[in-house]
Amino acid sequence: MVLIREGAYVISRTIGAPRNVTLSGVGFATKLVLADYADQAVIENAHPEAYVDSNIVIEDLQIDARAQTQPRIWERSHPTRLVVLLLEKLCICIQ
């Protein structure tokens, strides 16, 4: 388990989540914010092309993708962008 303590964290590179990992915050006090014009995912599978990552849990945190400052992120899609088997107390903010 990876514990992300309370605070706002600006993410400028995608976090690669490997199989069998839990990314856990401390509720709404933990917030991952995509950097302006980073134009990428906040979290995705560590091996998105190999389809090998599973059992990824993201819980008790906020993700703010700041869509208004990401010019191309919503123009493309990928079926393995994020595999989440359990979402618990998760707030995804798309503005």
PDB file of N, CA and C in Angstrom:
ATOM      1  N   MET A   1       0.837  -1.178   0.000  1.00  0.00           N
ATOM      2  CA  MET A   1       0.000   0.000   0.000  1.00  0.00           C
ATOM      3  C   MET A   1       0.885   1.244   0.000  1.00  0.00           C
ATOM      4  N   VAL A   2       0.483   2.222  -0.788  1.00  0.00           N
ATOM      5  CA  VAL A   2       1.167   3.513  -0.826  1.00  0.00           C
ATOM      6  C   VAL A   2       0.241   4.521  -0.171  1.00  0.00           C
ATOM      7  N   LEU A   3       0.682   5.120   0.920  1.00  0.00           N
ATOM      8  CA  LEU A   3      -0.106   6.126   1.615  1.00  0.00           C
ATOM      9  C   LEU A   3       0.335   7.505   1.154  1.00  0.00           C
ATOM     10  N   ILE A   4      -0.619   8.285   0.663  1.00  0.00           N
ATOM     11  CA  ILE A   4      -0.349   9.660   0.258  1.00  0.00           C
ATOM     12  C   ILE A   4      -0.925  10.543   1.349  1.00  0.00           C
ATOM     13  N   ARG A   5      -0.081  11.209   2.071  1.00  0.00           N
ATOM     14  CA  ARG A   5      -0.514  12.024   3.207  1.00  0.00           C
ATOM     15  C   ARG A   5      -1.333  13.219   2.749  1.00  0.00           C
ATOM     16  N   GLU A   6      -1.955  13.881   3.704  1.00  0.00           N
ATOM     17  CA  GLU A   6      -2.795  15.027   3.369  1.00  0.00           C
ATOM     18  C   GLU A   6      -1.968  16.126   2.720  1.00  0.00           C
ATOM     19  N   GLY A   7      -2.613  16.832   1.805  1.00  0.00           N
ATOM     20  CA  GLY A   7      -1.959  17.909   1.076  1.00  0.00           C
ATOM     21  C   GLY A   7      -2.416  17.892  -0.370  1.00  0.00           C
ATOM     22  N   ALA A   8      -2.055  18.938  -1.088  1.00  0.00           N
ATOM     23  CA  ALA A   8      -2.335  19.021  -2.522  1.00  0.00           C
ATOM     24  C   ALA A   8      -1.021  18.777  -3.252  1.00  0.00           C
ATOM     25  N   TYR A   9      -1.031  17.816  -4.161  1.00  0.00           N
ATOM     26  CA  TYR A   9       0.162  17.428  -4.892  1.00  0.00           C
ATOM     27  C   TYR A   9      -0.042  17.716  -6.372  1.00  0.00           C
ATOM     28  N   VAL A  10       0.817  18.539  -6.944  1.00  0.00           N
ATOM     29  CA  VAL A  10       0.736  18.846  -8.368  1.00  0.00           C
ATOM     30  C   VAL A  10       1.477  17.752  -9.130  1.00  0.00           C
ATOM     31  N   ILE A  11       0.757  17.121 -10.038  1.00  0.00           N
ATOM     32  CA  ILE A  11       1.291  15.989 -10.793  1.00  0.00           C
ATOM     33  C   ILE A  11       1.650  16.471 -12.199  1.00  0.00           C
ATOM     34  N   SER A  12       2.922  16.399 -12.553  1.00  0.00           N
ATOM     35  CA  SER A  12       3.345  16.838 -13.881  1.00  0.00           C
ATOM     36  C   SER A  12       3.660  15.656 -14.801  1.00  0.00           C
ATOM     37  N   ARG A  13       3.790  14.452 -14.223  1.00  0.00           N
ATOM     38  CA  ARG A  13       3.991  13.226 -15.005  1.00  0.00           C
ATOM     39  C   ARG A  13       3.015  12.170 -14.504  1.00  0.00           C
ATOM     40  N   THR A  14       2.550  11.341 -15.398  1.00  0.00           N
ATOM     41  CA  THR A  14       1.598  10.292 -15.045  1.00  0.00           C
ATOM     42  C   THR A  14       2.174   9.350 -13.993  1.00  0.00           C
ATOM     43  N   ILE A  15       1.367   9.026 -13.000  1.00  0.00           N
ATOM     44  CA  ILE A  15       1.732   8.031 -11.994  1.00  0.00           C
ATOM     45  C   ILE A  15       1.404   6.664 -12.575  1.00  0.00           C
ATOM     46  N   GLY A  16       2.382   5.803 -12.685  1.00  0.00           N
ATOM     47  CA  GLY A  16       2.166   4.447 -13.191  1.00  0.00           C
ATOM     48  C   GLY A  16       1.858   3.509 -12.043  1.00  0.00           C
ATOM     49  N   ALA A  17       0.658   2.961 -12.036  1.00  0.00           N
ATOM     50  CA  ALA A  17       0.242   2.064 -10.956  1.00  0.00           C
ATOM     51  C   ALA A  17       0.466   0.607 -11.384  1.00  0.00           C
ATOM     52  N   PRO A  18       1.352  -0.115 -10.700  1.00  0.00           N
ATOM     53  CA  PRO A  18       1.572  -1.517 -11.034  1.00  0.00           C
ATOM     54  C   PRO A  18       0.475  -2.402 -10.463  1.00  0.00           C
ATOM     55  N   ARG A  19       0.495  -3.651 -10.825  1.00  0.00           N
ATOM     56  CA  ARG A  19      -0.507  -4.600 -10.316  1.00  0.00           C
ATOM     57  C   ARG A  19      -0.401  -4.738  -8.799  1.00  0.00           C
ATOM     58  N   ASN A  20      -1.519  -5.084  -8.201  1.00  0.00           N
ATOM     59  CA  ASN A  20      -1.594  -5.364  -6.762  1.00  0.00           C
ATOM     60  C   ASN A  20      -1.110  -4.220  -5.882  1.00  0.00           C
ATOM     61  N   VAL A  21      -1.543  -3.020  -6.194  1.00  0.00           N
ATOM     62  CA  VAL A  21      -1.150  -1.864  -5.395  1.00  0.00           C
ATOM     63  C   VAL A  21      -2.401  -1.104  -4.954  1.00  0.00           C
ATOM     64  N   THR A  22      -2.322  -0.524  -3.768  1.00  0.00           N
ATOM     65  CA  THR A  22      -3.360   0.366  -3.269  1.00  0.00           C
ATOM     66  C   THR A  22      -2.744   1.741  -3.073  1.00  0.00           C
ATOM     67  N   LEU A  23      -3.311   2.746  -3.743  1.00  0.00           N
ATOM     68  CA  LEU A  23      -2.926   4.141  -3.526  1.00  0.00           C
ATOM     69  C   LEU A  23      -3.984   4.717  -2.615  1.00  0.00           C
ATOM     70  N   SER A  24      -3.603   5.073  -1.413  1.00  0.00           N
ATOM     71  CA  SER A  24      -4.571   5.500  -0.414  1.00  0.00           C
ATOM     72  C   SER A  24      -4.211   6.869   0.122  1.00  0.00           C
ATOM     73  N   GLY A  25      -5.210   7.771   0.136  1.00  0.00           N
ATOM     74  CA  GLY A  25      -5.039   9.079   0.739  1.00  0.00           C
ATOM     75  C   GLY A  25      -5.689   9.100   2.108  1.00  0.00           C
ATOM     76  N   VAL A  26      -5.884  10.306   2.631  1.00  0.00           N
ATOM     77  CA  VAL A  26      -6.559  10.459   3.923  1.00  0.00           C
ATOM     78  C   VAL A  26      -7.845  11.267   3.719  1.00  0.00           C
ATOM     79  N   GLY A  27      -8.639  10.844   2.749  1.00  0.00           N
ATOM     80  CA  GLY A  27      -9.910  11.515   2.465  1.00  0.00           C
ATOM     81  C   GLY A  27      -9.708  12.758   1.620  1.00  0.00           C
ATOM     82  N   PHE A  28     -10.637  13.709   1.757  1.00  0.00           N
ATOM     83  CA  PHE A  28     -10.572  14.915   0.946  1.00  0.00           C
ATOM     84  C   PHE A  28      -9.378  15.796   1.293  1.00  0.00           C
ATOM     85  N   ALA A  29      -8.632  15.442   2.321  1.00  0.00           N
ATOM     86  CA  ALA A  29      -7.426  16.187   2.664  1.00  0.00           C
ATOM     87  C   ALA A  29      -6.263  15.839   1.730  1.00  0.00           C
ATOM     88  N   THR A  30      -6.408  14.780   0.932  1.00  0.00           N
ATOM     89  CA  THR A  30      -5.403  14.396  -0.056  1.00  0.00           C
ATOM     90  C   THR A  30      -5.950  14.708  -1.436  1.00  0.00           C
ATOM     91  N   LYS A  31      -5.219  15.507  -2.201  1.00  0.00           N
ATOM     92  CA  LYS A  31      -5.690  15.922  -3.524  1.00  0.00           C
ATOM     93  C   LYS A  31      -4.538  15.859  -4.519  1.00  0.00           C
ATOM     94  N   LEU A  32      -4.748  15.105  -5.612  1.00  0.00           N
ATOM     95  CA  LEU A  32      -3.798  15.059  -6.717  1.00  0.00           C
ATOM     96  C   LEU A  32      -4.314  16.004  -7.789  1.00  0.00           C
ATOM     97  N   VAL A  33      -3.510  16.977  -8.178  1.00  0.00           N
ATOM     98  CA  VAL A  33      -3.915  18.002  -9.143  1.00  0.00           C
ATOM     99  C   VAL A  33      -2.990  17.917 -10.345  1.00  0.00           C
ATOM    100  N   LEU A  34      -3.564  17.705 -11.523  1.00  0.00           N
ATOM    101  CA  LEU A  34      -2.756  17.653 -12.736  1.00  0.00           C
ATOM    102  C   LEU A  34      -2.238  19.056 -13.054  1.00  0.00           C
ATOM    103  N   ALA A  35      -0.938  19.154 -13.300  1.00  0.00           N
ATOM    104  CA  ALA A  35      -0.312  20.444 -13.598  1.00  0.00           C
ATOM    105  C   ALA A  35      -0.927  21.048 -14.867  1.00  0.00           C
ATOM    106  N   ASP A  36      -0.996  22.371 -14.899  1.00  0.00           N
ATOM    107  CA  ASP A  36      -1.502  23.058 -16.084  1.00  0.00           C
ATOM    108  C   ASP A  36      -0.716  22.623 -17.315  1.00  0.00           C
ATOM    109  N   TYR A  37      -1.437  22.289 -18.372  1.00  0.00           N
ATOM    110  CA  TYR A  37      -0.881  21.921 -19.676  1.00  0.00           C
ATOM    111  C   TYR A  37       0.007  20.683 -19.639  1.00  0.00           C
ATOM    112  N   ALA A  38      -0.138  19.854 -18.628  1.00  0.00           N
ATOM    113  CA  ALA A  38       0.594  18.586 -18.583  1.00  0.00           C
ATOM    114  C   ALA A  38       0.076  17.652 -19.666  1.00  0.00           C
ATOM    115  N   ASP A  39      -1.220  17.742 -19.954  1.00  0.00           N
ATOM    116  CA  ASP A  39      -1.846  17.024 -21.062  1.00  0.00           C
ATOM    117  C   ASP A  39      -1.584  15.518 -21.032  1.00  0.00           C
ATOM    118  N   GLN A  40      -1.810  14.907 -19.888  1.00  0.00           N
ATOM    119  CA  GLN A  40      -1.651  13.466 -19.740  1.00  0.00           C
ATOM    120  C   GLN A  40      -2.536  12.971 -18.611  1.00  0.00           C
ATOM    121  N   ALA A  41      -2.603  11.681 -18.442  1.00  0.00           N
ATOM    122  CA  ALA A  41      -3.392  11.102 -17.369  1.00  0.00           C
ATOM    123  C   ALA A  41      -2.722  11.367 -16.024  1.00  0.00           C
ATOM    124  N   VAL A  42      -3.520  11.434 -14.975  1.00  0.00           N
ATOM    125  CA  VAL A  42      -2.961  11.572 -13.630  1.00  0.00           C
ATOM    126  C   VAL A  42      -2.412  10.225 -13.177  1.00  0.00           C
ATOM    127  N   ILE A  43      -3.215   9.173 -13.349  1.00  0.00           N
ATOM    128  CA  ILE A  43      -2.809   7.813 -12.968  1.00  0.00           C
ATOM    129  C   ILE A  43      -3.191   6.880 -14.109  1.00  0.00           C
ATOM    130  N   GLU A  44      -2.314   5.965 -14.441  1.00  0.00           N
ATOM    131  CA  GLU A  44      -2.656   4.922 -15.407  1.00  0.00           C
ATOM    132  C   GLU A  44      -1.904   3.650 -15.042  1.00  0.00           C
ATOM    133  N   ASN A  45      -2.263   2.569 -15.693  1.00  0.00           N
ATOM    134  CA  ASN A  45      -1.558   1.311 -15.471  1.00  0.00           C
ATOM    135  C   ASN A  45      -0.075   1.501 -15.744  1.00  0.00           C
ATOM    136  N   ALA A  46       0.767   0.840 -14.983  1.00  0.00           N
ATOM    137  CA  ALA A  46       2.211   0.936 -15.188  1.00  0.00           C
ATOM    138  C   ALA A  46       2.618   0.365 -16.545  1.00  0.00           C
ATOM    139  N   HIS A  47       1.868  -0.599 -17.027  1.00  0.00           N
ATOM    140  CA  HIS A  47       2.162  -1.252 -18.313  1.00  0.00           C
ATOM    141  C   HIS A  47       0.902  -1.211 -19.185  1.00  0.00           C
ATOM    142  N   PRO A  48       0.497  -0.035 -19.661  1.00  0.00           N
ATOM    143  CA  PRO A  48      -0.808   0.081 -20.338  1.00  0.00           C
ATOM    144  C   PRO A  48      -0.931  -0.718 -21.627  1.00  0.00           C
ATOM    145  N   GLU A  49       0.141  -0.992 -22.308  1.00  0.00           N
ATOM    146  CA  GLU A  49       0.056  -1.733 -23.564  1.00  0.00           C
ATOM    147  C   GLU A  49       0.093  -3.250 -23.369  1.00  0.00           C
ATOM    148  N   ALA A  50       0.527  -3.697 -22.208  1.00  0.00           N
ATOM    149  CA  ALA A  50       0.708  -5.132 -21.976  1.00  0.00           C
ATOM    150  C   ALA A  50      -0.511  -5.800 -21.355  1.00  0.00           C
ATOM    151  N   TYR A  51      -1.460  -5.022 -20.836  1.00  0.00           N
ATOM    152  CA  TYR A  51      -2.665  -5.573 -20.206  1.00  0.00           C
ATOM    153  C   TYR A  51      -2.342  -6.536 -19.074  1.00  0.00           C
ATOM    154  N   VAL A  52      -1.326  -6.224 -18.270  1.00  0.00           N
ATOM    155  CA  VAL A  52      -0.929  -7.130 -17.191  1.00  0.00           C
ATOM    156  C   VAL A  52      -1.263  -6.593 -15.805  1.00  0.00           C
ATOM    157  N   ASP A  53      -1.602  -5.328 -15.692  1.00  0.00           N
ATOM    158  CA  ASP A  53      -1.841  -4.735 -14.385  1.00  0.00           C
ATOM    159  C   ASP A  53      -3.289  -4.927 -13.962  1.00  0.00           C
ATOM    160  N   SER A  54      -3.472  -5.454 -12.772  1.00  0.00           N
ATOM    161  CA  SER A  54      -4.816  -5.646 -12.229  1.00  0.00           C
ATOM    162  C   SER A  54      -4.742  -5.484 -10.715  1.00  0.00           C
ATOM    163  N   ASN A  55      -5.899  -5.498 -10.087  1.00  0.00           N
ATOM    164  CA  ASN A  55      -5.975  -5.355  -8.638  1.00  0.00           C
ATOM    165  C   ASN A  55      -5.364  -4.029  -8.184  1.00  0.00           C
ATOM    166  N   ILE A  56      -5.719  -2.959  -8.891  1.00  0.00           N
ATOM    167  CA  ILE A  56      -5.271  -1.608  -8.554  1.00  0.00           C
ATOM    168  C   ILE A  56      -6.406  -0.931  -7.803  1.00  0.00           C
ATOM    169  N   VAL A  57      -6.112  -0.449  -6.604  1.00  0.00           N
ATOM    170  CA  VAL A  57      -7.117   0.197  -5.772  1.00  0.00           C
ATOM    171  C   VAL A  57      -6.680   1.635  -5.521  1.00  0.00           C
ATOM    172  N   ILE A  58      -7.603   2.568  -5.745  1.00  0.00           N
ATOM    173  CA  ILE A  58      -7.360   3.978  -5.451  1.00  0.00           C
ATOM    174  C   ILE A  58      -8.467   4.389  -4.498  1.00  0.00           C
ATOM    175  N   GLU A  59      -8.093   4.880  -3.303  1.00  0.00           N
ATOM    176  CA  GLU A  59      -9.114   5.166  -2.307  1.00  0.00           C
ATOM    177  C   GLU A  59      -8.775   6.398  -1.487  1.00  0.00           C
ATOM    178  N   ASP A  60      -9.821   7.010  -0.975  1.00  0.00           N
ATOM    179  CA  ASP A  60      -9.715   8.097  -0.004  1.00  0.00           C
ATOM    180  C   ASP A  60      -8.859   9.276  -0.475  1.00  0.00           C
ATOM    181  N   LEU A  61      -9.090   9.747  -1.703  1.00  0.00           N
ATOM    182  CA  LEU A  61      -8.389  10.916  -2.199  1.00  0.00           C
ATOM    183  C   LEU A  61      -9.198  11.584  -3.306  1.00  0.00           C
ATOM    184  N   GLN A  62      -8.792  12.798  -3.646  1.00  0.00           N
ATOM    185  CA  GLN A  62      -9.399  13.536  -4.756  1.00  0.00           C
ATOM    186  C   GLN A  62      -8.424  13.561  -5.928  1.00  0.00           C
ATOM    187  N   ILE A  63      -8.970  13.570  -7.140  1.00  0.00           N
ATOM    188  CA  ILE A  63      -8.169  13.776  -8.344  1.00  0.00           C
ATOM    189  C   ILE A  63      -8.803  14.924  -9.105  1.00  0.00           C
ATOM    190  N   ASP A  64      -8.020  15.961  -9.357  1.00  0.00           N
ATOM    191  CA  ASP A  64      -8.488  17.109 -10.126  1.00  0.00           C
ATOM    192  C   ASP A  64      -7.685  17.149 -11.422  1.00  0.00           C
ATOM    193  N   ALA A  65      -8.315  16.777 -12.536  1.00  0.00           N
ATOM    194  CA  ALA A  65      -7.625  16.710 -13.825  1.00  0.00           C
ATOM    195  C   ALA A  65      -7.511  18.064 -14.508  1.00  0.00           C
ATOM    196  N   ARG A  66      -8.128  19.092 -13.955  1.00  0.00           N
ATOM    197  CA  ARG A  66      -8.049  20.454 -14.489  1.00  0.00           C
ATOM    198  C   ARG A  66      -8.226  20.474 -16.006  1.00  0.00           C
ATOM    199  N   ALA A  67      -9.345  19.939 -16.465  1.00  0.00           N
ATOM    200  CA  ALA A  67      -9.614  19.774 -17.897  1.00  0.00           C
ATOM    201  C   ALA A  67      -9.494  21.076 -18.673  1.00  0.00           C
ATOM    202  N   GLN A  68      -9.807  22.190 -18.058  1.00  0.00           N
ATOM    203  CA  GLN A  68      -9.758  23.461 -18.778  1.00  0.00           C
ATOM    204  C   GLN A  68      -8.333  23.856 -19.166  1.00  0.00           C
ATOM    205  N   THR A  69      -7.332  23.247 -18.555  1.00  0.00           N
ATOM    206  CA  THR A  69      -5.943  23.567 -18.891  1.00  0.00           C
ATOM    207  C   THR A  69      -5.227  22.407 -19.566  1.00  0.00           C
ATOM    208  N   GLN A  70      -5.975  21.430 -20.061  1.00  0.00           N
ATOM    209  CA  GLN A  70      -5.392  20.258 -20.724  1.00  0.00           C
ATOM    210  C   GLN A  70      -5.942  20.208 -22.156  1.00  0.00           C
ATOM    211  N   PRO A  71      -5.264  20.800 -23.116  1.00  0.00           N
ATOM    212  CA  PRO A  71      -5.833  20.959 -24.448  1.00  0.00           C
ATOM    213  C   PRO A  71      -6.144  19.676 -25.202  1.00  0.00           C
ATOM    214  N   ARG A  72      -5.371  18.621 -25.008  1.00  0.00           N
ATOM    215  CA  ARG A  72      -5.591  17.429 -25.836  1.00  0.00           C
ATOM    216  C   ARG A  72      -6.001  16.186 -25.065  1.00  0.00           C
ATOM    217  N   ILE A  73      -5.978  16.203 -23.764  1.00  0.00           N
ATOM    218  CA  ILE A  73      -6.179  14.960 -23.006  1.00  0.00           C
ATOM    219  C   ILE A  73      -7.537  14.316 -23.288  1.00  0.00           C
ATOM    220  N   TRP A  74      -8.540  15.104 -23.559  1.00  0.00           N
ATOM    221  CA  TRP A  74      -9.877  14.550 -23.777  1.00  0.00           C
ATOM    222  C   TRP A  74     -10.116  14.170 -25.227  1.00  0.00           C
ATOM    223  N   GLU A  75      -9.175  14.458 -26.137  1.00  0.00           N
ATOM    224  CA  GLU A  75      -9.326  14.117 -27.551  1.00  0.00           C
ATOM    225  C   GLU A  75      -8.945  12.678 -27.842  1.00  0.00           C
ATOM    226  N   ARG A  76      -8.226  12.040 -26.955  1.00  0.00           N
ATOM    227  CA  ARG A  76      -7.801  10.667 -27.195  1.00  0.00           C
ATOM    228  C   ARG A  76      -8.323   9.770 -26.067  1.00  0.00           C
ATOM    229  N   SER A  77      -8.394   8.521 -26.353  1.00  0.00           N
ATOM    230  CA  SER A  77      -8.827   7.584 -25.318  1.00  0.00           C
ATOM    231  C   SER A  77      -8.028   6.297 -25.470  1.00  0.00           C
ATOM    232  N   HIS A  78      -7.970   5.541 -24.425  1.00  0.00           N
ATOM    233  CA  HIS A  78      -7.239   4.287 -24.428  1.00  0.00           C
ATOM    234  C   HIS A  78      -7.977   3.346 -23.485  1.00  0.00           C
ATOM    235  N   PRO A  79      -8.246   2.117 -23.904  1.00  0.00           N
ATOM    236  CA  PRO A  79      -9.055   1.221 -23.066  1.00  0.00           C
ATOM    237  C   PRO A  79      -8.428   0.860 -21.736  1.00  0.00           C
ATOM    238  N   THR A  80      -7.107   1.008 -21.594  1.00  0.00           N
ATOM    239  CA  THR A  80      -6.467   0.661 -20.325  1.00  0.00           C
ATOM    240  C   THR A  80      -5.937   1.899 -19.625  1.00  0.00           C
ATOM    241  N   ARG A  81      -6.539   3.029 -19.882  1.00  0.00           N
ATOM    242  CA  ARG A  81      -6.087   4.270 -19.264  1.00  0.00           C
ATOM    243  C   ARG A  81      -6.009   4.121 -17.756  1.00  0.00           C
ATOM    244  N   LEU A  82      -7.005   3.524 -17.190  1.00  0.00           N
ATOM    245  CA  LEU A  82      -7.012   3.347 -15.746  1.00  0.00           C
ATOM    246  C   LEU A  82      -7.920   2.168 -15.420  1.00  0.00           C
ATOM    247  N   VAL A  83      -7.357   1.138 -14.856  1.00  0.00           N
ATOM    248  CA  VAL A  83      -8.144  -0.008 -14.419  1.00  0.00           C
ATOM    249  C   VAL A  83      -8.253   0.086 -12.908  1.00  0.00           C
ATOM    250  N   VAL A  84      -9.451   0.271 -12.437  1.00  0.00           N
ATOM    251  CA  VAL A  84      -9.686   0.391 -11.014  1.00  0.00           C
ATOM    252  C   VAL A  84     -10.747  -0.633 -10.635  1.00  0.00           C
ATOM    253  N   LEU A  85     -10.400  -1.537  -9.768  1.00  0.00           N
ATOM    254  CA  LEU A  85     -11.350  -2.555  -9.354  1.00  0.00           C
ATOM    255  C   LEU A  85     -12.179  -2.106  -8.168  1.00  0.00           C
ATOM    256  N   LEU A  86     -11.696  -1.120  -7.430  1.00  0.00           N
ATOM    257  CA  LEU A  86     -12.424  -0.639  -6.275  1.00  0.00           C
ATOM    258  C   LEU A  86     -12.247   0.863  -6.169  1.00  0.00           C
ATOM    259  N   LEU A  87     -13.350   1.586  -6.154  1.00  0.00           N
ATOM    260  CA  LEU A  87     -13.316   3.019  -5.915  1.00  0.00           C
ATOM    261  C   LEU A  87     -14.076   3.283  -4.622  1.00  0.00           C
ATOM    262  N   GLU A  88     -13.373   3.806  -3.654  1.00  0.00           N
ATOM    263  CA  GLU A  88     -13.995   4.037  -2.358  1.00  0.00           C
ATOM    264  C   GLU A  88     -13.654   5.446  -1.907  1.00  0.00           C
ATOM    265  N   LYS A  89     -14.685   6.256  -1.663  1.00  0.00           N
ATOM    266  CA  LYS A  89     -14.506   7.639  -1.217  1.00  0.00           C
ATOM    267  C   LYS A  89     -13.587   8.399  -2.144  1.00  0.00           C
ATOM    268  N   LEU A  90     -13.839   8.303  -3.436  1.00  0.00           N
ATOM    269  CA  LEU A  90     -12.993   8.932  -4.425  1.00  0.00           C
ATOM    270  C   LEU A  90     -13.777  10.042  -5.102  1.00  0.00           C
ATOM    271  N   CYS A  91     -13.175  11.198  -5.232  1.00  0.00           N
ATOM    272  CA  CYS A  91     -13.799  12.321  -5.896  1.00  0.00           C
ATOM    273  C   CYS A  91     -12.950  12.656  -7.120  1.00  0.00           C
ATOM    274  N   ILE A  92     -13.529  12.551  -8.306  1.00  0.00           N
ATOM    275  CA  ILE A  92     -12.830  12.948  -9.523  1.00  0.00           C
ATOM    276  C   ILE A  92     -13.437  14.250  -9.985  1.00  0.00           C
ATOM    277  N   CYS A  93     -12.628  15.298 -10.041  1.00  0.00           N
ATOM    278  CA  CYS A  93     -13.107  16.625 -10.387  1.00  0.00           C
ATOM    279  C   CYS A  93     -12.714  16.959 -11.813  1.00  0.00           C
ATOM    280  N   ILE A  94     -13.684  17.125 -12.689  1.00  0.00           N
ATOM    281  CA  ILE A  94     -13.445  17.540 -14.059  1.00  0.00           C
ATOM    282  C   ILE A  94     -14.102  18.900 -14.223  1.00  0.00           C
ATOM    283  N   GLN A  95     -13.294  19.913 -14.475  1.00  0.00           N
ATOM    284  CA  GLN A  95     -13.826  21.271 -14.547  1.00  0.00           C
ATOM    285  C   GLN A  95     -13.752  21.791 -15.962  1.00  0.00           C
TER     286      GLN A  95
END
